[in-house]
Amino acid sequence: NLDVAISQGNLAAARADILAADHAPLPVLSAEAQSIDLKNGVGQGNA
């Protein structure tokens, strides 16, 4: 019945929590731009 269907929804959510827990931390890709000389400029050419 509907009460059982509602509890089965909780079971499906709990099984999804297993997938959320069973993985390593994701790698992080980063990009950085530094040492930008605002006084003398950065020169000509391709950035």
ModelCIF file with pLDDT and N, C-alpha, C, O atoms, coordinates in Angstrom:
data_MODEL
#
_entry.id   MODEL 
#
_entity.id                         1 
_entity.type                       polymer 
_entity.pdbx_number_of_molecules   1 
#
_entity_poly.entity_id                      1 
_entity_poly.type                           'polypeptide(L)' 
_entity_poly.nstd_linkage                   no 
_entity_poly.nstd_monomer                   no 
_entity_poly.pdbx_seq_one_letter_code       NLDVAISQGNLAAARADILAADHAPLPVLSAEAQSIDLKNGVGQGNA 
_entity_poly.pdbx_seq_one_letter_code_can   NLDVAISQGNLAAARADILAADHAPLPVLSAEAQSIDLKNGVGQGNA 
_entity_poly.pdbx_strand_id                 A 
#
loop_
_entity_poly_seq.entity_id 
_entity_poly_seq.num 
_entity_poly_seq.mon_id 
_entity_poly_seq.hetero 
1 1  ASN n 
1 2  LEU n 
1 3  ASP n 
1 4  VAL n 
1 5  ALA n 
1 6  ILE n 
1 7  SER n 
1 8  GLN n 
1 9  GLY n 
1 10 ASN n 
1 11 LEU n 
1 12 ALA n 
1 13 ALA n 
1 14 ALA n 
1 15 ARG n 
1 16 ALA n 
1 17 ASP n 
1 18 ILE n 
1 19 LEU n 
1 20 ALA n 
1 21 ALA n 
1 22 ASP n 
1 23 HIS n 
1 24 ALA n 
1 25 PRO n 
1 26 LEU n 
1 27 PRO n 
1 28 VAL n 
1 29 LEU n 
1 30 SER n 
1 31 ALA n 
1 32 GLU n 
1 33 ALA n 
1 34 GLN n 
1 35 SER n 
1 36 ILE n 
1 37 ASP n 
1 38 LEU n 
1 39 LYS n 
1 40 ASN n 
1 41 GLY n 
1 42 VAL n 
1 43 GLY n 
1 44 GLN n 
1 45 GLY n 
1 46 ASN n 
1 47 ALA n 
#
_struct_asym.id          A 
_struct_asym.entity_id   1 
#
loop_
_ma_qa_metric.id 
_ma_qa_metric.mode 
_ma_qa_metric.name 
_ma_qa_metric.software_group_id 
_ma_qa_metric.type 
1 global pLDDT . pLDDT 
2 local  pLDDT . pLDDT 
#
_ma_qa_metric_global.metric_id      1 
_ma_qa_metric_global.metric_value   87.15 
_ma_qa_metric_global.model_id       1 
_ma_qa_metric_global.ordinal_id     1 
#
loop_
_ma_qa_metric_local.label_asym_id 
_ma_qa_metric_local.label_comp_id 
_ma_qa_metric_local.label_seq_id 
_ma_qa_metric_local.metric_id 
_ma_qa_metric_local.metric_value 
_ma_qa_metric_local.model_id 
_ma_qa_metric_local.ordinal_id 
A ASN 1  2 87.00 1 1  
A LEU 2  2 88.00 1 2  
A ASP 3  2 89.00 1 3  
A VAL 4  2 91.00 1 4  
A ALA 5  2 90.00 1 5  
A ILE 6  2 92.00 1 6  
A SER 7  2 93.00 1 7  
A GLN 8  2 93.00 1 8  
A GLY 9  2 94.00 1 9  
A ASN 10 2 94.00 1 10 
A LEU 11 2 95.00 1 11 
A ALA 12 2 95.00 1 12 
A ALA 13 2 95.00 1 13 
A ALA 14 2 95.00 1 14 
A ARG 15 2 95.00 1 15 
A ALA 16 2 96.00 1 16 
A ASP 17 2 94.00 1 17 
A ILE 18 2 95.00 1 18 
A LEU 19 2 94.00 1 19 
A ALA 20 2 93.00 1 20 
A ALA 21 2 93.00 1 21 
A ASP 22 2 92.00 1 22 
A HIS 23 2 90.00 1 23 
A ALA 24 2 90.00 1 24 
A PRO 25 2 91.00 1 25 
A LEU 26 2 92.00 1 26 
A PRO 27 2 93.00 1 27 
A VAL 28 2 93.00 1 28 
A LEU 29 2 94.00 1 29 
A SER 30 2 92.00 1 30 
A ALA 31 2 91.00 1 31 
A GLU 32 2 89.00 1 32 
A ALA 33 2 86.00 1 33 
A GLN 34 2 84.00 1 34 
A SER 35 2 81.00 1 35 
A ILE 36 2 79.00 1 36 
A ASP 37 2 71.00 1 37 
A LEU 38 2 76.00 1 38 
A LYS 39 2 67.00 1 39 
A ASN 40 2 75.00 1 40 
A GLY 41 2 75.00 1 41 
A VAL 42 2 72.00 1 42 
A GLY 43 2 75.00 1 43 
A GLN 44 2 78.00 1 44 
A GLY 45 2 73.00 1 45 
A ASN 46 2 76.00 1 46 
A ALA 47 2 70.00 1 47 
#
loop_
_atom_site.group_PDB 
_atom_site.id 
_atom_site.type_symbol 
_atom_site.label_atom_id 
_atom_site.label_alt_id 
_atom_site.label_comp_id 
_atom_site.label_asym_id 
_atom_site.label_entity_id 
_atom_site.label_seq_id 
_atom_site.pdbx_PDB_ins_code 
_atom_site.Cartn_x 
_atom_site.Cartn_y 
_atom_site.Cartn_z 
_atom_site.occupancy 
_atom_site.B_iso_or_equiv 
_atom_site.pdbx_formal_charge 
_atom_site.auth_seq_id 
_atom_site.auth_comp_id 
_atom_site.auth_asym_id 
_atom_site.auth_atom_id 
_atom_site.pdbx_PDB_model_num 
ATOM 1   N N  . ASN A 1 1  ? 0.830  -1.201 0.000   1.00 87.00 ? 1  ASN A N  1 
ATOM 2   C CA . ASN A 1 1  ? 0.000  0.000  0.000   1.00 87.00 ? 1  ASN A CA 1 
ATOM 3   C C  . ASN A 1 1  ? 0.870  1.259  0.000   1.00 87.00 ? 1  ASN A C  1 
ATOM 4   O O  . ASN A 1 1  ? 2.092  1.180  -0.120  1.00 87.00 ? 1  ASN A O  1 
ATOM 5   N N  . LEU A 1 2  ? 0.235  2.401  0.133   1.00 88.00 ? 2  LEU A N  1 
ATOM 6   C CA . LEU A 1 2  ? 0.956  3.664  0.013   1.00 88.00 ? 2  LEU A CA 1 
ATOM 7   C C  . LEU A 1 2  ? 1.952  3.875  1.150   1.00 88.00 ? 2  LEU A C  1 
ATOM 8   O O  . LEU A 1 2  ? 3.014  4.459  0.934   1.00 88.00 ? 2  LEU A O  1 
ATOM 9   N N  . ASP A 1 3  ? 1.631  3.414  2.350   1.00 89.00 ? 3  ASP A N  1 
ATOM 10  C CA . ASP A 1 3  ? 2.582  3.546  3.453   1.00 89.00 ? 3  ASP A CA 1 
ATOM 11  C C  . ASP A 1 3  ? 3.854  2.759  3.158   1.00 89.00 ? 3  ASP A C  1 
ATOM 12  O O  . ASP A 1 3  ? 4.957  3.234  3.431   1.00 89.00 ? 3  ASP A O  1 
ATOM 13  N N  . VAL A 1 4  ? 3.704  1.570  2.608   1.00 91.00 ? 4  VAL A N  1 
ATOM 14  C CA . VAL A 1 4  ? 4.872  0.773  2.237   1.00 91.00 ? 4  VAL A CA 1 
ATOM 15  C C  . VAL A 1 4  ? 5.644  1.464  1.122   1.00 91.00 ? 4  VAL A C  1 
ATOM 16  O O  . VAL A 1 4  ? 6.875  1.462  1.131   1.00 91.00 ? 4  VAL A O  1 
ATOM 17  N N  . ALA A 1 5  ? 4.936  2.056  0.159   1.00 90.00 ? 5  ALA A N  1 
ATOM 18  C CA . ALA A 1 5  ? 5.610  2.758  -0.932  1.00 90.00 ? 5  ALA A CA 1 
ATOM 19  C C  . ALA A 1 5  ? 6.435  3.937  -0.409  1.00 90.00 ? 5  ALA A C  1 
ATOM 20  O O  . ALA A 1 5  ? 7.531  4.201  -0.902  1.00 90.00 ? 5  ALA A O  1 
ATOM 21  N N  . ILE A 1 6  ? 5.901  4.640  0.589   1.00 92.00 ? 6  ILE A N  1 
ATOM 22  C CA . ILE A 1 6  ? 6.652  5.756  1.174   1.00 92.00 ? 6  ILE A CA 1 
ATOM 23  C C  . ILE A 1 6  ? 7.919  5.254  1.846   1.00 92.00 ? 6  ILE A C  1 
ATOM 24  O O  . ILE A 1 6  ? 8.983  5.853  1.689   1.00 92.00 ? 6  ILE A O  1 
ATOM 25  N N  . SER A 1 7  ? 7.818  4.161  2.593   1.00 93.00 ? 7  SER A N  1 
ATOM 26  C CA . SER A 1 7  ? 9.009  3.610  3.249   1.00 93.00 ? 7  SER A CA 1 
ATOM 27  C C  . SER A 1 7  ? 10.011 3.087  2.227   1.00 93.00 ? 7  SER A C  1 
ATOM 28  O O  . SER A 1 7  ? 11.218 3.142  2.465   1.00 93.00 ? 7  SER A O  1 
ATOM 29  N N  . GLN A 1 8  ? 9.532  2.582  1.097   1.00 93.00 ? 8  GLN A N  1 
ATOM 30  C CA . GLN A 1 8  ? 10.448 2.141  0.052   1.00 93.00 ? 8  GLN A CA 1 
ATOM 31  C C  . GLN A 1 8  ? 11.190 3.324  -0.557  1.00 93.00 ? 8  GLN A C  1 
ATOM 32  O O  . GLN A 1 8  ? 12.328 3.181  -1.005  1.00 93.00 ? 8  GLN A O  1 
ATOM 33  N N  . GLY A 1 9  ? 10.549 4.495  -0.575  1.00 94.00 ? 9  GLY A N  1 
ATOM 34  C CA . GLY A 1 9  ? 11.262 5.696  -1.011  1.00 94.00 ? 9  GLY A CA 1 
ATOM 35  C C  . GLY A 1 9  ? 12.418 6.031  -0.082  1.00 94.00 ? 9  GLY A C  1 
ATOM 36  O O  . GLY A 1 9  ? 13.488 6.431  -0.539  1.00 94.00 ? 9  GLY A O  1 
ATOM 37  N N  . ASN A 1 10 ? 12.207 5.869  1.234   1.00 94.00 ? 10 ASN A N  1 
ATOM 38  C CA . ASN A 1 10 ? 13.303 6.084  2.184   1.00 94.00 ? 10 ASN A CA 1 
ATOM 39  C C  . ASN A 1 10 ? 14.437 5.080  1.948   1.00 94.00 ? 10 ASN A C  1 
ATOM 40  O O  . ASN A 1 10 ? 15.611 5.424  2.082   1.00 94.00 ? 10 ASN A O  1 
ATOM 41  N N  . LEU A 1 11 ? 14.081 3.837  1.597   1.00 95.00 ? 11 LEU A N  1 
ATOM 42  C CA . LEU A 1 11 ? 15.105 2.828  1.307   1.00 95.00 ? 11 LEU A CA 1 
ATOM 43  C C  . LEU A 1 11 ? 15.905 3.213  0.069   1.00 95.00 ? 11 LEU A C  1 
ATOM 44  O O  . LEU A 1 11 ? 17.128 3.080  0.058   1.00 95.00 ? 11 LEU A O  1 
ATOM 45  N N  . ALA A 1 12 ? 15.227 3.688  -0.975  1.00 95.00 ? 12 ALA A N  1 
ATOM 46  C CA . ALA A 1 12 ? 15.941 4.108  -2.177  1.00 95.00 ? 12 ALA A CA 1 
ATOM 47  C C  . ALA A 1 12 ? 16.899 5.258  -1.872  1.00 95.00 ? 12 ALA A C  1 
ATOM 48  O O  . ALA A 1 12 ? 18.009 5.300  -2.401  1.00 95.00 ? 12 ALA A O  1 
ATOM 49  N N  . ALA A 1 13 ? 16.472 6.190  -1.020  1.00 95.00 ? 13 ALA A N  1 
ATOM 50  C CA . ALA A 1 13 ? 17.350 7.301  -0.641  1.00 95.00 ? 13 ALA A CA 1 
ATOM 51  C C  . ALA A 1 13 ? 18.554 6.801  0.144   1.00 95.00 ? 13 ALA A C  1 
ATOM 52  O O  . ALA A 1 13 ? 19.667 7.290  -0.051  1.00 95.00 ? 13 ALA A O  1 
ATOM 53  N N  . ALA A 1 14 ? 18.340 5.822  1.039   1.00 95.00 ? 14 ALA A N  1 
ATOM 54  C CA . ALA A 1 14 ? 19.451 5.281  1.819   1.00 95.00 ? 14 ALA A CA 1 
ATOM 55  C C  . ALA A 1 14 ? 20.449 4.549  0.929   1.00 95.00 ? 14 ALA A C  1 
ATOM 56  O O  . ALA A 1 14 ? 21.656 4.614  1.162   1.00 95.00 ? 14 ALA A O  1 
ATOM 57  N N  . ARG A 1 15 ? 19.946 3.851  -0.090  1.00 95.00 ? 15 ARG A N  1 
ATOM 58  C CA . ARG A 1 15 ? 20.867 3.185  -1.017  1.00 95.00 ? 15 ARG A CA 1 
ATOM 59  C C  . ARG A 1 15 ? 21.655 4.194  -1.836  1.00 95.00 ? 15 ARG A C  1 
ATOM 60  O O  . ARG A 1 15 ? 22.814 3.955  -2.176  1.00 95.00 ? 15 ARG A O  1 
ATOM 61  N N  . ALA A 1 16 ? 21.031 5.314  -2.153  1.00 96.00 ? 16 ALA A N  1 
ATOM 62  C CA . ALA A 1 16 ? 21.760 6.359  -2.857  1.00 96.00 ? 16 ALA A CA 1 
ATOM 63  C C  . ALA A 1 16 ? 22.857 6.946  -1.977  1.00 96.00 ? 16 ALA A C  1 
ATOM 64  O O  . ALA A 1 16 ? 23.901 7.361  -2.481  1.00 96.00 ? 16 ALA A O  1 
ATOM 65  N N  . ASP A 1 17 ? 22.629 6.984  -0.675  1.00 94.00 ? 17 ASP A N  1 
ATOM 66  C CA . ASP A 1 17 ? 23.659 7.481  0.245   1.00 94.00 ? 17 ASP A CA 1 
ATOM 67  C C  . ASP A 1 17 ? 24.907 6.602  0.207   1.00 94.00 ? 17 ASP A C  1 
ATOM 68  O O  . ASP A 1 17 ? 26.012 7.089  0.447   1.00 94.00 ? 17 ASP A O  1 
ATOM 69  N N  . ILE A 1 18 ? 24.743 5.325  -0.090  1.00 95.00 ? 18 ILE A N  1 
ATOM 70  C CA . ILE A 1 18 ? 25.912 4.444  -0.199  1.00 95.00 ? 18 ILE A CA 1 
ATOM 71  C C  . ILE A 1 18 ? 26.799 4.897  -1.359  1.00 95.00 ? 18 ILE A C  1 
ATOM 72  O O  . ILE A 1 18 ? 28.022 4.956  -1.226  1.00 95.00 ? 18 ILE A O  1 
ATOM 73  N N  . LEU A 1 19 ? 26.178 5.215  -2.494  1.00 94.00 ? 19 LEU A N  1 
ATOM 74  C CA . LEU A 1 19 ? 26.947 5.689  -3.647  1.00 94.00 ? 19 LEU A CA 1 
ATOM 75  C C  . LEU A 1 19 ? 27.645 7.011  -3.326  1.00 94.00 ? 19 LEU A C  1 
ATOM 76  O O  . LEU A 1 19 ? 28.771 7.252  -3.762  1.00 94.00 ? 19 LEU A O  1 
ATOM 77  N N  . ALA A 1 20 ? 26.961 7.864  -2.559  1.00 93.00 ? 20 ALA A N  1 
ATOM 78  C CA . ALA A 1 20 ? 27.570 9.144  -2.201  1.00 93.00 ? 20 ALA A CA 1 
ATOM 79  C C  . ALA A 1 20 ? 28.751 8.961  -1.261  1.00 93.00 ? 20 ALA A C  1 
ATOM 80  O O  . ALA A 1 20 ? 29.698 9.747  -1.289  1.00 93.00 ? 20 ALA A O  1 
ATOM 81  N N  . ALA A 1 21 ? 28.698 7.925  -0.428  1.00 93.00 ? 21 ALA A N  1 
ATOM 82  C CA . ALA A 1 21 ? 29.768 7.725  0.556   1.00 93.00 ? 21 ALA A CA 1 
ATOM 83  C C  . ALA A 1 21 ? 30.953 6.960  -0.012  1.00 93.00 ? 21 ALA A C  1 
ATOM 84  O O  . ALA A 1 21 ? 32.093 7.190  0.394   1.00 93.00 ? 21 ALA A O  1 
ATOM 85  N N  . ASP A 1 22 ? 30.696 6.052  -0.946  1.00 92.00 ? 22 ASP A N  1 
ATOM 86  C CA . ASP A 1 22 ? 31.738 5.137  -1.404  1.00 92.00 ? 22 ASP A CA 1 
ATOM 87  C C  . ASP A 1 22 ? 32.490 5.708  -2.610  1.00 92.00 ? 22 ASP A C  1 
ATOM 88  O O  . ASP A 1 22 ? 32.452 5.139  -3.701  1.00 92.00 ? 22 ASP A O  1 
ATOM 89  N N  . HIS A 1 23 ? 33.156 6.812  -2.404  1.00 90.00 ? 23 HIS A N  1 
ATOM 90  C CA . HIS A 1 23 ? 34.049 7.345  -3.440  1.00 90.00 ? 23 HIS A CA 1 
ATOM 91  C C  . HIS A 1 23 ? 35.125 8.188  -2.770  1.00 90.00 ? 23 HIS A C  1 
ATOM 92  O O  . HIS A 1 23 ? 34.918 8.762  -1.701  1.00 90.00 ? 23 HIS A O  1 
ATOM 93  N N  . ALA A 1 24 ? 36.270 8.245  -3.423  1.00 90.00 ? 24 ALA A N  1 
ATOM 94  C CA . ALA A 1 24 ? 37.372 9.050  -2.915  1.00 90.00 ? 24 ALA A CA 1 
ATOM 95  C C  . ALA A 1 24 ? 37.103 10.527 -3.200  1.00 90.00 ? 24 ALA A C  1 
ATOM 96  O O  . ALA A 1 24 ? 36.288 10.848 -4.066  1.00 90.00 ? 24 ALA A O  1 
ATOM 97  N N  . PRO A 1 25 ? 37.772 11.425 -2.487  1.00 91.00 ? 25 PRO A N  1 
ATOM 98  C CA . PRO A 1 25 ? 37.617 12.855 -2.786  1.00 91.00 ? 25 PRO A CA 1 
ATOM 99  C C  . PRO A 1 25 ? 37.983 13.149 -4.237  1.00 91.00 ? 25 PRO A C  1 
ATOM 100 O O  . PRO A 1 25 ? 38.948 12.602 -4.770  1.00 91.00 ? 25 PRO A O  1 
ATOM 101 N N  . LEU A 1 26 ? 37.216 14.002 -4.853  1.00 92.00 ? 26 LEU A N  1 
ATOM 102 C CA . LEU A 1 26 ? 37.457 14.319 -6.259  1.00 92.00 ? 26 LEU A CA 1 
ATOM 103 C C  . LEU A 1 26 ? 38.705 15.172 -6.416  1.00 92.00 ? 26 LEU A C  1 
ATOM 104 O O  . LEU A 1 26 ? 38.989 16.031 -5.581  1.00 92.00 ? 26 LEU A O  1 
ATOM 105 N N  . PRO A 1 27 ? 39.451 14.932 -7.491  1.00 93.00 ? 27 PRO A N  1 
ATOM 106 C CA . PRO A 1 27 ? 40.621 15.787 -7.741  1.00 93.00 ? 27 PRO A CA 1 
ATOM 107 C C  . PRO A 1 27 ? 40.186 17.214 -8.083  1.00 93.00 ? 27 PRO A C  1 
ATOM 108 O O  . PRO A 1 27 ? 39.073 17.439 -8.559  1.00 93.00 ? 27 PRO A O  1 
ATOM 109 N N  . VAL A 1 28 ? 41.069 18.158 -7.835  1.00 93.00 ? 28 VAL A N  1 
ATOM 110 C CA . VAL A 1 28 ? 40.780 19.574 -8.040  1.00 93.00 ? 28 VAL A CA 1 
ATOM 111 C C  . VAL A 1 28 ? 41.737 20.125 -9.080  1.00 93.00 ? 28 VAL A C  1 
ATOM 112 O O  . VAL A 1 28 ? 42.955 20.071 -8.906  1.00 93.00 ? 28 VAL A O  1 
ATOM 113 N N  . LEU A 1 29 ? 41.190 20.649 -10.150 1.00 94.00 ? 29 LEU A N  1 
ATOM 114 C CA . LEU A 1 29 ? 41.982 21.291 -11.196 1.00 94.00 ? 29 LEU A CA 1 
ATOM 115 C C  . LEU A 1 29 ? 42.003 22.791 -10.936 1.00 94.00 ? 29 LEU A C  1 
ATOM 116 O O  . LEU A 1 29 ? 40.958 23.406 -10.726 1.00 94.00 ? 29 LEU A O  1 
ATOM 117 N N  . SER A 1 30 ? 43.198 23.375 -10.951 1.00 92.00 ? 30 SER A N  1 
ATOM 118 C CA . SER A 1 30 ? 43.319 24.805 -10.654 1.00 92.00 ? 30 SER A CA 1 
ATOM 119 C C  . SER A 1 30 ? 44.167 25.486 -11.720 1.00 92.00 ? 30 SER A C  1 
ATOM 120 O O  . SER A 1 30 ? 45.045 24.868 -12.322 1.00 92.00 ? 30 SER A O  1 
ATOM 121 N N  . ALA A 1 31 ? 43.898 26.744 -11.940 1.00 91.00 ? 31 ALA A N  1 
ATOM 122 C CA . ALA A 1 31 ? 44.682 27.583 -12.856 1.00 91.00 ? 31 ALA A CA 1 
ATOM 123 C C  . ALA A 1 31 ? 45.014 28.885 -12.142 1.00 91.00 ? 31 ALA A C  1 
ATOM 124 O O  . ALA A 1 31 ? 44.211 29.401 -11.365 1.00 91.00 ? 31 ALA A O  1 
ATOM 125 N N  . GLU A 1 32 ? 46.213 29.414 -12.414 1.00 89.00 ? 32 GLU A N  1 
ATOM 126 C CA . GLU A 1 32 ? 46.673 30.582 -11.668 1.00 89.00 ? 32 GLU A CA 1 
ATOM 127 C C  . GLU A 1 32 ? 47.478 31.492 -12.593 1.00 89.00 ? 32 GLU A C  1 
ATOM 128 O O  . GLU A 1 32 ? 48.253 31.025 -13.428 1.00 89.00 ? 32 GLU A O  1 
ATOM 129 N N  . ALA A 1 33 ? 47.285 32.764 -12.433 1.00 86.00 ? 33 ALA A N  1 
ATOM 130 C CA . ALA A 1 33 ? 48.092 33.766 -13.143 1.00 86.00 ? 33 ALA A CA 1 
ATOM 131 C C  . ALA A 1 33 ? 48.634 34.732 -12.104 1.00 86.00 ? 33 ALA A C  1 
ATOM 132 O O  . ALA A 1 33 ? 47.863 35.294 -11.326 1.00 86.00 ? 33 ALA A O  1 
ATOM 133 N N  . GLN A 1 34 ? 49.984 34.944 -12.076 1.00 84.00 ? 34 GLN A N  1 
ATOM 134 C CA . GLN A 1 34 ? 50.590 35.803 -11.055 1.00 84.00 ? 34 GLN A CA 1 
ATOM 135 C C  . GLN A 1 34 ? 51.790 36.543 -11.652 1.00 84.00 ? 34 GLN A C  1 
ATOM 136 O O  . GLN A 1 34 ? 52.134 36.379 -12.822 1.00 84.00 ? 34 GLN A O  1 
ATOM 137 N N  . SER A 1 35 ? 52.409 37.359 -10.805 1.00 81.00 ? 35 SER A N  1 
ATOM 138 C CA . SER A 1 35 ? 53.568 38.176 -11.216 1.00 81.00 ? 35 SER A CA 1 
ATOM 139 C C  . SER A 1 35 ? 53.215 39.077 -12.402 1.00 81.00 ? 35 SER A C  1 
ATOM 140 O O  . SER A 1 35 ? 54.004 39.244 -13.331 1.00 81.00 ? 35 SER A O  1 
ATOM 141 N N  . ILE A 1 36 ? 52.023 39.648 -12.347 1.00 79.00 ? 36 ILE A N  1 
ATOM 142 C CA . ILE A 1 36 ? 51.602 40.573 -13.404 1.00 79.00 ? 36 ILE A CA 1 
ATOM 143 C C  . ILE A 1 36 ? 52.118 41.964 -13.029 1.00 79.00 ? 36 ILE A C  1 
ATOM 144 O O  . ILE A 1 36 ? 51.682 42.530 -12.027 1.00 79.00 ? 36 ILE A O  1 
ATOM 145 N N  . ASP A 1 37 ? 53.040 42.523 -13.820 1.00 71.00 ? 37 ASP A N  1 
ATOM 146 C CA . ASP A 1 37 ? 53.685 43.790 -13.525 1.00 71.00 ? 37 ASP A CA 1 
ATOM 147 C C  . ASP A 1 37 ? 52.817 44.934 -14.042 1.00 71.00 ? 37 ASP A C  1 
ATOM 148 O O  . ASP A 1 37 ? 52.791 45.217 -15.239 1.00 71.00 ? 37 ASP A O  1 
ATOM 149 N N  . LEU A 1 38 ? 52.121 45.573 -13.138 1.00 76.00 ? 38 LEU A N  1 
ATOM 150 C CA . LEU A 1 38 ? 51.239 46.677 -13.532 1.00 76.00 ? 38 LEU A CA 1 
ATOM 151 C C  . LEU A 1 38 ? 52.021 47.972 -13.756 1.00 76.00 ? 38 LEU A C  1 
ATOM 152 O O  . LEU A 1 38 ? 51.503 48.873 -14.414 1.00 76.00 ? 38 LEU A O  1 
ATOM 153 N N  . LYS A 1 39 ? 53.248 48.103 -13.235 1.00 67.00 ? 39 LYS A N  1 
ATOM 154 C CA . LYS A 1 39 ? 54.032 49.329 -13.392 1.00 67.00 ? 39 LYS A CA 1 
ATOM 155 C C  . LYS A 1 39 ? 54.765 49.373 -14.724 1.00 67.00 ? 39 LYS A C  1 
ATOM 156 O O  . LYS A 1 39 ? 54.713 50.383 -15.425 1.00 67.00 ? 39 LYS A O  1 
ATOM 157 N N  . ASN A 1 40 ? 55.447 48.287 -15.083 1.00 75.00 ? 40 ASN A N  1 
ATOM 158 C CA . ASN A 1 40 ? 56.249 48.249 -16.300 1.00 75.00 ? 40 ASN A CA 1 
ATOM 159 C C  . ASN A 1 40 ? 55.537 47.551 -17.453 1.00 75.00 ? 40 ASN A C  1 
ATOM 160 O O  . ASN A 1 40 ? 56.030 47.564 -18.582 1.00 75.00 ? 40 ASN A O  1 
ATOM 161 N N  . GLY A 1 41 ? 54.407 46.954 -17.187 1.00 75.00 ? 41 GLY A N  1 
ATOM 162 C CA . GLY A 1 41 ? 53.685 46.272 -18.238 1.00 75.00 ? 41 GLY A CA 1 
ATOM 163 C C  . GLY A 1 41 ? 54.154 44.838 -18.406 1.00 75.00 ? 41 GLY A C  1 
ATOM 164 O O  . GLY A 1 41 ? 55.163 44.425 -17.833 1.00 75.00 ? 41 GLY A O  1 
ATOM 165 N N  . VAL A 1 42 ? 53.426 44.110 -19.180 1.00 72.00 ? 42 VAL A N  1 
ATOM 166 C CA . VAL A 1 42 ? 53.723 42.681 -19.371 1.00 72.00 ? 42 VAL A CA 1 
ATOM 167 C C  . VAL A 1 42 ? 54.251 42.389 -20.769 1.00 72.00 ? 42 VAL A C  1 
ATOM 168 O O  . VAL A 1 42 ? 54.453 41.226 -21.120 1.00 72.00 ? 42 VAL A O  1 
ATOM 169 N N  . GLY A 1 43 ? 54.470 43.390 -21.547 1.00 75.00 ? 43 GLY A N  1 
ATOM 170 C CA . GLY A 1 43 ? 55.052 43.173 -22.864 1.00 75.00 ? 43 GLY A CA 1 
ATOM 171 C C  . GLY A 1 43 ? 54.005 42.908 -23.926 1.00 75.00 ? 43 GLY A C  1 
ATOM 172 O O  . GLY A 1 43 ? 52.800 42.870 -23.676 1.00 75.00 ? 43 GLY A O  1 
ATOM 173 N N  . GLN A 1 44 ? 54.549 42.723 -25.158 1.00 78.00 ? 44 GLN A N  1 
ATOM 174 C CA . GLN A 1 44 ? 53.702 42.514 -26.313 1.00 78.00 ? 44 GLN A CA 1 
ATOM 175 C C  . GLN A 1 44 ? 53.525 41.022 -26.597 1.00 78.00 ? 44 GLN A C  1 
ATOM 176 O O  . GLN A 1 44 ? 54.189 40.175 -26.000 1.00 78.00 ? 44 GLN A O  1 
ATOM 177 N N  . GLY A 1 45 ? 52.617 40.727 -27.520 1.00 73.00 ? 45 GLY A N  1 
ATOM 178 C CA . GLY A 1 45 ? 52.460 39.350 -27.982 1.00 73.00 ? 45 GLY A CA 1 
ATOM 179 C C  . GLY A 1 45 ? 51.241 38.655 -27.399 1.00 73.00 ? 45 GLY A C  1 
ATOM 180 O O  . GLY A 1 45 ? 50.387 39.254 -26.745 1.00 73.00 ? 45 GLY A O  1 
ATOM 181 N N  . ASN A 1 46 ? 51.211 37.365 -27.673 1.00 76.00 ? 46 ASN A N  1 
ATOM 182 C CA . ASN A 1 46 ? 50.104 36.532 -27.212 1.00 76.00 ? 46 ASN A CA 1 
ATOM 183 C C  . ASN A 1 46 ? 50.099 36.435 -25.697 1.00 76.00 ? 46 ASN A C  1 
ATOM 184 O O  . ASN A 1 46 ? 51.148 36.280 -25.072 1.00 76.00 ? 46 ASN A O  1 
ATOM 185 N N  . ALA A 1 47 ? 48.891 36.527 -25.101 1.00 70.00 ? 47 ALA A N  1 
ATOM 186 C CA . ALA A 1 47 ? 48.788 36.546 -23.637 1.00 70.00 ? 47 ALA A CA 1 
ATOM 187 C C  . ALA A 1 47 ? 49.233 35.231 -23.020 1.00 70.00 ? 47 ALA A C  1 
ATOM 188 O O  . ALA A 1 47 ? 49.208 35.083 -21.799 1.00 70.00 ? 47 ALA A O  1 
#
